[in-house]
């Protein structure tokens, strides 16, 4: 099973994002081509609220 995660820029919400090396802590760095902001993609991988959403679906 493949899981595809689409990264979006936290500032402008663009999906026009490319890899841009790694930080000292070995975390992947990304660059937004729309607003030129650099960021670490961890915010997109946190799945906030996934647990509560699963419980809601199970109760239906």
PDB file of N, CA and C in Angstrom:
ATOM      1  N   UNK A   1       0.844  -1.176   0.000  1.00  0.00           N
ATOM      2  CA  UNK A   1       0.000   0.000   0.000  1.00  0.00           C
ATOM      3  C   UNK A   1       0.890   1.240   0.000  1.00  0.00           C
ATOM      4  N   UNK A   2       0.638   2.150  -0.918  1.00  0.00           N
ATOM      5  CA  UNK A   2       1.373   3.410  -0.983  1.00  0.00           C
ATOM      6  C   UNK A   2       0.533   4.509  -0.368  1.00  0.00           C
ATOM      7  N   UNK A   3       1.188   5.362   0.396  1.00  0.00           N
ATOM      8  CA  UNK A   3       0.524   6.535   0.954  1.00  0.00           C
ATOM      9  C   UNK A   3       1.160   7.757   0.318  1.00  0.00           C
ATOM     10  N   UNK A   4       0.347   8.594  -0.298  1.00  0.00           N
ATOM     11  CA  UNK A   4       0.859   9.799  -0.932  1.00  0.00           C
ATOM     12  C   UNK A   4       0.436  11.004  -0.105  1.00  0.00           C
ATOM     13  N   UNK A   5       1.409  11.824   0.239  1.00  0.00           N
ATOM     14  CA  UNK A   5       1.149  13.024   1.017  1.00  0.00           C
ATOM     15  C   UNK A   5       1.539  14.224   0.167  1.00  0.00           C
ATOM     16  N   UNK A   6       0.627  15.149  -0.009  1.00  0.00           N
ATOM     17  CA  UNK A   6       0.905  16.357  -0.773  1.00  0.00           C
ATOM     18  C   UNK A   6       1.326  17.457   0.193  1.00  0.00           C
ATOM     19  N   UNK A   7       2.531  17.950   0.008  1.00  0.00           N
ATOM     20  CA  UNK A   7       3.017  19.045   0.846  1.00  0.00           C
ATOM     21  C   UNK A   7       2.511  20.369   0.302  1.00  0.00           C
ATOM     22  N   UNK A   8       2.122  21.229   1.203  1.00  0.00           N
ATOM     23  CA  UNK A   8       1.744  22.584   0.825  1.00  0.00           C
ATOM     24  C   UNK A   8       2.577  23.560   1.641  1.00  0.00           C
ATOM     25  N   UNK A   9       2.842  24.693   1.069  1.00  0.00           N
ATOM     26  CA  UNK A   9       3.605  25.731   1.755  1.00  0.00           C
ATOM     27  C   UNK A   9       2.784  26.260   2.927  1.00  0.00           C
ATOM     28  N   UNK A  10       3.360  26.337   4.126  1.00  0.00           N
ATOM     29  CA  UNK A  10       2.608  26.838   5.273  1.00  0.00           C
ATOM     30  C   UNK A  10       2.264  28.326   5.172  1.00  0.00           C
ATOM     31  N   UNK A  11       2.973  29.055   4.316  1.00  0.00           N
ATOM     32  CA  UNK A  11       2.716  30.492   4.203  1.00  0.00           C
ATOM     33  C   UNK A  11       1.674  30.808   3.135  1.00  0.00           C
ATOM     34  N   UNK A  12       1.893  30.312   1.910  1.00  0.00           N
ATOM     35  CA  UNK A  12       0.996  30.685   0.805  1.00  0.00           C
ATOM     36  C   UNK A  12       0.070  29.547   0.366  1.00  0.00           C
ATOM     37  N   UNK A  13       0.218  28.373   0.951  1.00  0.00           N
ATOM     38  CA  UNK A  13      -0.618  27.190   0.668  1.00  0.00           C
ATOM     39  C   UNK A  13      -0.451  26.645  -0.744  1.00  0.00           C
ATOM     40  N   UNK A  14       0.625  27.017  -1.428  1.00  0.00           N
ATOM     41  CA  UNK A  14       0.896  26.513  -2.769  1.00  0.00           C
ATOM     42  C   UNK A  14       1.365  25.061  -2.694  1.00  0.00           C
ATOM     43  N   UNK A  15       1.057  24.279  -3.738  1.00  0.00           N
ATOM     44  CA  UNK A  15       1.562  22.909  -3.804  1.00  0.00           C
ATOM     45  C   UNK A  15       2.810  22.833  -4.692  1.00  0.00           C
ATOM     46  N   UNK A  16       3.294  23.972  -5.152  1.00  0.00           N
ATOM     47  CA  UNK A  16       4.481  24.054  -5.998  1.00  0.00           C
ATOM     48  C   UNK A  16       5.727  24.046  -5.111  1.00  0.00           C
ATOM     49  N   UNK A  17       6.032  22.874  -4.526  1.00  0.00           N
ATOM     50  CA  UNK A  17       7.089  22.721  -3.528  1.00  0.00           C
ATOM     51  C   UNK A  17       8.099  21.695  -4.022  1.00  0.00           C
ATOM     52  N   UNK A  18       9.390  21.979  -3.817  1.00  0.00           N
ATOM     53  CA  UNK A  18      10.452  21.048  -4.206  1.00  0.00           C
ATOM     54  C   UNK A  18      11.393  20.799  -3.030  1.00  0.00           C
ATOM     55  N   UNK A  19      12.074  19.650  -3.062  1.00  0.00           N
ATOM     56  CA  UNK A  19      13.072  19.358  -2.037  1.00  0.00           C
ATOM     57  C   UNK A  19      14.223  20.340  -2.179  1.00  0.00           C
ATOM     58  N   UNK A  20      14.818  20.710  -1.030  1.00  0.00           N
ATOM     59  CA  UNK A  20      15.895  21.697  -1.039  1.00  0.00           C
ATOM     60  C   UNK A  20      16.965  21.326  -0.014  1.00  0.00           C
ATOM     61  N   UNK A  21      17.494  20.117  -0.117  1.00  0.00           N
ATOM     62  CA  UNK A  21      18.548  19.680   0.795  1.00  0.00           C
ATOM     63  C   UNK A  21      18.016  19.217   2.134  1.00  0.00           C
ATOM     64  N   UNK A  22      18.943  19.074   3.092  1.00  0.00           N
ATOM     65  CA  UNK A  22      18.575  18.643   4.439  1.00  0.00           C
ATOM     66  C   UNK A  22      19.172  19.591   5.460  1.00  0.00           C
ATOM     67  N   UNK A  23      18.496  19.729   6.588  1.00  0.00           N
ATOM     68  CA  UNK A  23      18.975  20.555   7.695  1.00  0.00           C
ATOM     69  C   UNK A  23      20.021  19.779   8.484  1.00  0.00           C
ATOM     70  N   UNK A  24      20.680  20.454   9.426  1.00  0.00           N
ATOM     71  CA  UNK A  24      21.696  19.804  10.254  1.00  0.00           C
ATOM     72  C   UNK A  24      21.127  18.628  11.038  1.00  0.00           C
ATOM     73  N   UNK A  25      19.873  18.723  11.423  1.00  0.00           N
ATOM     74  CA  UNK A  25      19.221  17.658  12.196  1.00  0.00           C
ATOM     75  C   UNK A  25      18.752  16.516  11.289  1.00  0.00           C
ATOM     76  N   UNK A  26      19.230  16.493  10.043  1.00  0.00           N
ATOM     77  CA  UNK A  26      18.906  15.456   9.057  1.00  0.00           C
ATOM     78  C   UNK A  26      17.429  15.444   8.657  1.00  0.00           C
ATOM     79  N   UNK A  27      16.767  16.583   8.784  1.00  0.00           N
ATOM     80  CA  UNK A  27      15.368  16.694   8.363  1.00  0.00           C
ATOM     81  C   UNK A  27      15.325  17.289   6.966  1.00  0.00           C
ATOM     82  N   UNK A  28      14.412  16.785   6.150  1.00  0.00           N
ATOM     83  CA  UNK A  28      14.278  17.249   4.772  1.00  0.00           C
ATOM     84  C   UNK A  28      13.815  18.703   4.744  1.00  0.00           C
ATOM     85  N   UNK A  29      14.489  19.511   3.949  1.00  0.00           N
ATOM     86  CA  UNK A  29      14.140  20.916   3.776  1.00  0.00           C
ATOM     87  C   UNK A  29      13.424  21.069   2.434  1.00  0.00           C
ATOM     88  N   UNK A  30      12.410  21.918   2.390  1.00  0.00           N
ATOM     89  CA  UNK A  30      11.645  22.145   1.170  1.00  0.00           C
ATOM     90  C   UNK A  30      11.651  23.622   0.820  1.00  0.00           C
ATOM     91  N   UNK A  31      11.470  23.917  -0.465  1.00  0.00           N
ATOM     92  CA  UNK A  31      11.419  25.284  -0.962  1.00  0.00           C
ATOM     93  C   UNK A  31      10.127  25.471  -1.749  1.00  0.00           C
ATOM     94  N   UNK A  32       9.403  26.517  -1.430  1.00  0.00           N
ATOM     95  CA  UNK A  32       8.188  26.856  -2.171  1.00  0.00           C
ATOM     96  C   UNK A  32       8.591  27.708  -3.371  1.00  0.00           C
ATOM     97  N   UNK A  33       8.226  27.264  -4.560  1.00  0.00           N
ATOM     98  CA  UNK A  33       8.561  28.024  -5.768  1.00  0.00           C
ATOM     99  C   UNK A  33       7.674  29.251  -5.946  1.00  0.00           C
ATOM    100  N   UNK A  34       6.556  29.308  -5.254  1.00  0.00           N
ATOM    101  CA  UNK A  34       5.643  30.445  -5.389  1.00  0.00           C
ATOM    102  C   UNK A  34       6.087  31.644  -4.553  1.00  0.00           C
ATOM    103  N   UNK A  35       6.463  31.398  -3.282  1.00  0.00           N
ATOM    104  CA  UNK A  35       6.814  32.524  -2.400  1.00  0.00           C
ATOM    105  C   UNK A  35       8.267  32.466  -1.910  1.00  0.00           C
ATOM    106  N   UNK A  36       9.026  31.476  -2.349  1.00  0.00           N
ATOM    107  CA  UNK A  36      10.453  31.304  -2.014  1.00  0.00           C
ATOM    108  C   UNK A  36      10.711  31.032  -0.535  1.00  0.00           C
ATOM    109  N   UNK A  37       9.713  30.589   0.191  1.00  0.00           N
ATOM    110  CA  UNK A  37       9.918  30.268   1.601  1.00  0.00           C
ATOM    111  C   UNK A  37      10.503  28.866   1.731  1.00  0.00           C
ATOM    112  N   UNK A  38      11.448  28.702   2.665  1.00  0.00           N
ATOM    113  CA  UNK A  38      11.998  27.391   2.983  1.00  0.00           C
ATOM    114  C   UNK A  38      11.341  26.895   4.263  1.00  0.00           C
ATOM    115  N   UNK A  39      11.064  25.591   4.317  1.00  0.00           N
ATOM    116  CA  UNK A  39      10.448  25.021   5.511  1.00  0.00           C
ATOM    117  C   UNK A  39      10.755  23.537   5.591  1.00  0.00           C
ATOM    118  N   UNK A  40      10.564  22.986   6.771  1.00  0.00           N
ATOM    119  CA  UNK A  40      10.708  21.552   6.988  1.00  0.00           C
ATOM    120  C   UNK A  40       9.315  20.959   6.899  1.00  0.00           C
ATOM    121  N   UNK A  41       9.155  19.876   6.171  1.00  0.00           N
ATOM    122  CA  UNK A  41       7.833  19.327   5.888  1.00  0.00           C
ATOM    123  C   UNK A  41       7.163  18.575   7.010  1.00  0.00           C
ATOM    124  N   UNK A  42       7.669  18.625   8.232  1.00  0.00           N
ATOM    125  CA  UNK A  42       7.074  17.862   9.329  1.00  0.00           C
ATOM    126  C   UNK A  42       5.632  18.245   9.604  1.00  0.00           C
ATOM    127  N   UNK A  43       5.266  19.504   9.369  1.00  0.00           N
ATOM    128  CA  UNK A  43       3.898  19.928   9.676  1.00  0.00           C
ATOM    129  C   UNK A  43       2.875  19.158   8.860  1.00  0.00           C
ATOM    130  N   UNK A  44       3.240  18.725   7.658  1.00  0.00           N
ATOM    131  CA  UNK A  44       2.301  18.003   6.801  1.00  0.00           C
ATOM    132  C   UNK A  44       2.182  16.539   7.189  1.00  0.00           C
ATOM    133  N   UNK A  45       3.096  16.056   7.984  1.00  0.00           N
ATOM    134  CA  UNK A  45       3.114  14.640   8.323  1.00  0.00           C
ATOM    135  C   UNK A  45       2.537  14.345   9.694  1.00  0.00           C
ATOM    136  N   UNK A  46       1.979  15.329  10.360  1.00  0.00           N
ATOM    137  CA  UNK A  46       1.545  15.132  11.743  1.00  0.00           C
ATOM    138  C   UNK A  46       0.148  14.520  11.855  1.00  0.00           C
ATOM    139  N   UNK A  47      -0.665  14.573  10.810  1.00  0.00           N
ATOM    140  CA  UNK A  47      -2.007  13.999  10.814  1.00  0.00           C
ATOM    141  C   UNK A  47      -2.829  14.460  12.006  1.00  0.00           C
ATOM    142  N   UNK A  48      -2.862  15.726  12.259  1.00  0.00           N
ATOM    143  CA  UNK A  48      -3.618  16.262  13.388  1.00  0.00           C
ATOM    144  C   UNK A  48      -5.097  15.914  13.242  1.00  0.00           C
ATOM    145  N   UNK A  49      -5.673  15.394  14.295  1.00  0.00           N
ATOM    146  CA  UNK A  49      -7.090  15.074  14.311  1.00  0.00           C
ATOM    147  C   UNK A  49      -7.455  13.743  13.690  1.00  0.00           C
ATOM    148  N   UNK A  50      -6.498  12.987  13.208  1.00  0.00           N
ATOM    149  CA  UNK A  50      -6.802  11.712  12.567  1.00  0.00           C
ATOM    150  C   UNK A  50      -7.452  10.746  13.546  1.00  0.00           C
ATOM    151  N   UNK A  51      -6.986  10.734  14.775  1.00  0.00           N
ATOM    152  CA  UNK A  51      -7.521   9.804  15.760  1.00  0.00           C
ATOM    153  C   UNK A  51      -8.981  10.123  16.070  1.00  0.00           C
ATOM    154  N   UNK A  52      -9.302  11.361  16.315  1.00  0.00           N
ATOM    155  CA  UNK A  52     -10.678  11.724  16.645  1.00  0.00           C
ATOM    156  C   UNK A  52     -11.605  11.504  15.452  1.00  0.00           C
ATOM    157  N   UNK A  53     -11.111  11.701  14.249  1.00  0.00           N
ATOM    158  CA  UNK A  53     -11.900  11.473  13.049  1.00  0.00           C
ATOM    159  C   UNK A  53     -12.215   9.987  12.899  1.00  0.00           C
ATOM    160  N   UNK A  54     -11.265   9.128  13.215  1.00  0.00           N
ATOM    161  CA  UNK A  54     -11.471   7.687  13.138  1.00  0.00           C
ATOM    162  C   UNK A  54     -12.553   7.254  14.119  1.00  0.00           C
ATOM    163  N   UNK A  55     -12.527   7.790  15.314  1.00  0.00           N
ATOM    164  CA  UNK A  55     -13.537   7.457  16.318  1.00  0.00           C
ATOM    165  C   UNK A  55     -14.921   7.890  15.844  1.00  0.00           C
ATOM    166  N   UNK A  56     -15.017   9.063  15.238  1.00  0.00           N
ATOM    167  CA  UNK A  56     -16.300   9.550  14.738  1.00  0.00           C
ATOM    168  C   UNK A  56     -16.851   8.617  13.670  1.00  0.00           C
ATOM    169  N   UNK A  57     -15.997   8.160  12.763  1.00  0.00           N
ATOM    170  CA  UNK A  57     -16.442   7.251  11.708  1.00  0.00           C
ATOM    171  C   UNK A  57     -16.886   5.915  12.279  1.00  0.00           C
ATOM    172  N   UNK A  58     -16.224   5.450  13.325  1.00  0.00           N
ATOM    173  CA  UNK A  58     -16.563   4.171  13.935  1.00  0.00           C
ATOM    174  C   UNK A  58     -17.903   4.242  14.658  1.00  0.00           C
ATOM    175  N   UNK A  59     -18.278   5.408  15.152  1.00  0.00           N
ATOM    176  CA  UNK A  59     -19.516   5.553  15.908  1.00  0.00           C
ATOM    177  C   UNK A  59     -20.740   5.625  14.997  1.00  0.00           C
ATOM    178  N   UNK A  60     -20.546   5.945  13.744  1.00  0.00           N
ATOM    179  CA  UNK A  60     -21.683   6.098  12.815  1.00  0.00           C
ATOM    180  C   UNK A  60     -22.304   4.795  12.473  1.00  0.00           C
TER     181      UNK A  60
END
